[in-house]
Amino acid sequence: MLHYAVVFLVIALIAAIFGFGGIAAGAVGIAKILFFVFVVLAVLSFLASIIRKG
């Protein structure tokens, strides 16, 4: 999931360099969503592993 967030961020940066503002904004939005989904899943996984070991 984090890999896809980074890929969309790179796409957004390349699109911004070449002047495609709409594509860059869309790619940044997708990257933000994927990053926050990754963070939530990582925290849930961490908490689940602590509960199982407890």
C-alpha atoms as a PDB file:
ATOM      1  CA  MET A   1       0.000   0.000   0.000  1.00  0.00           C
ATOM      2  CA  LEU A   2       2.814   2.361   0.852  1.00  0.00           C
ATOM      3  CA  HIS A   3       4.454   1.480  -2.455  1.00  0.00           C
ATOM      4  CA  TYR A   4       1.388   2.661  -4.380  1.00  0.00           C
ATOM      5  CA  ALA A   5       1.258   5.889  -2.378  1.00  0.00           C
ATOM      6  CA  VAL A   6       4.865   6.616  -3.309  1.00  0.00           C
ATOM      7  CA  VAL A   7       4.193   5.746  -6.963  1.00  0.00           C
ATOM      8  CA  PHE A   8       1.279   8.175  -7.136  1.00  0.00           C
ATOM      9  CA  LEU A   9       3.378  10.838  -5.415  1.00  0.00           C
ATOM     10  CA  VAL A  10       6.105  10.413  -8.045  1.00  0.00           C
ATOM     11  CA  ILE A  11       3.485  10.587 -10.805  1.00  0.00           C
ATOM     12  CA  ALA A  12       2.160  13.793  -9.260  1.00  0.00           C
ATOM     13  CA  LEU A  13       5.627  15.331  -9.112  1.00  0.00           C
ATOM     14  CA  ILE A  14       6.382  14.446 -12.726  1.00  0.00           C
ATOM     15  CA  ALA A  15       2.992  15.772 -13.867  1.00  0.00           C
ATOM     16  CA  ALA A  16       3.564  19.007 -11.946  1.00  0.00           C
ATOM     17  CA  ILE A  17       6.981  19.478 -13.547  1.00  0.00           C
ATOM     18  CA  PHE A  18       5.484  19.130 -17.013  1.00  0.00           C
ATOM     19  CA  GLY A  19       2.586  21.454 -16.191  1.00  0.00           C
ATOM     20  CA  PHE A  20      -0.319  19.032 -15.924  1.00  0.00           C
ATOM     21  CA  GLY A  21      -1.976  20.579 -12.865  1.00  0.00           C
ATOM     22  CA  GLY A  22      -5.181  18.543 -12.926  1.00  0.00           C
ATOM     23  CA  ILE A  23      -3.398  15.220 -13.181  1.00  0.00           C
ATOM     24  CA  ALA A  24      -0.952  16.248 -10.464  1.00  0.00           C
ATOM     25  CA  ALA A  25      -3.763  17.244  -8.098  1.00  0.00           C
ATOM     26  CA  GLY A  26      -5.563  13.957  -8.694  1.00  0.00           C
ATOM     27  CA  ALA A  27      -2.434  11.902  -8.144  1.00  0.00           C
ATOM     28  CA  VAL A  28      -1.648  13.775  -4.927  1.00  0.00           C
ATOM     29  CA  GLY A  29      -5.169  13.125  -3.672  1.00  0.00           C
ATOM     30  CA  ILE A  30      -4.852   9.413  -4.389  1.00  0.00           C
ATOM     31  CA  ALA A  31      -1.407   9.303  -2.746  1.00  0.00           C
ATOM     32  CA  LYS A  32      -2.770  10.957   0.413  1.00  0.00           C
ATOM     33  CA  ILE A  33      -5.661   8.516   0.661  1.00  0.00           C
ATOM     34  CA  LEU A  34      -3.407   5.491   0.155  1.00  0.00           C
ATOM     35  CA  PHE A  35      -0.907   6.784   2.701  1.00  0.00           C
ATOM     36  CA  PHE A  36      -3.550   7.268   5.392  1.00  0.00           C
ATOM     37  CA  VAL A  37      -5.051   3.845   4.663  1.00  0.00           C
ATOM     38  CA  PHE A  38      -1.553   2.386   5.047  1.00  0.00           C
ATOM     39  CA  VAL A  39      -1.035   4.169   8.371  1.00  0.00           C
ATOM     40  CA  VAL A  40      -4.377   2.959   9.742  1.00  0.00           C
ATOM     41  CA  LEU A  41      -3.705  -0.634   8.664  1.00  0.00           C
ATOM     42  CA  ALA A  42      -0.177  -0.527  10.103  1.00  0.00           C
ATOM     43  CA  VAL A  43      -1.457   0.723  13.472  1.00  0.00           C
ATOM     44  CA  LEU A  44      -4.215  -1.906  13.549  1.00  0.00           C
ATOM     45  CA  SER A  45      -1.708  -4.634  12.703  1.00  0.00           C
ATOM     46  CA  PHE A  46       0.628  -3.410  15.436  1.00  0.00           C
ATOM     47  CA  LEU A  47      -2.153  -3.361  18.014  1.00  0.00           C
ATOM     48  CA  ALA A  48      -3.345  -6.822  16.976  1.00  0.00           C
ATOM     49  CA  SER A  49       0.146  -8.250  17.413  1.00  0.00           C
ATOM     50  CA  ILE A  50       0.418  -6.701  20.889  1.00  0.00           C
ATOM     51  CA  ILE A  51      -2.977  -8.126  21.906  1.00  0.00           C
ATOM     52  CA  ARG A  52      -2.089 -11.622  20.642  1.00  0.00           C
ATOM     53  CA  LYS A  53       1.200 -11.676  22.534  1.00  0.00           C
ATOM     54  CA  GLY A  54      -0.406 -10.266  25.716  1.00  0.00           C
END
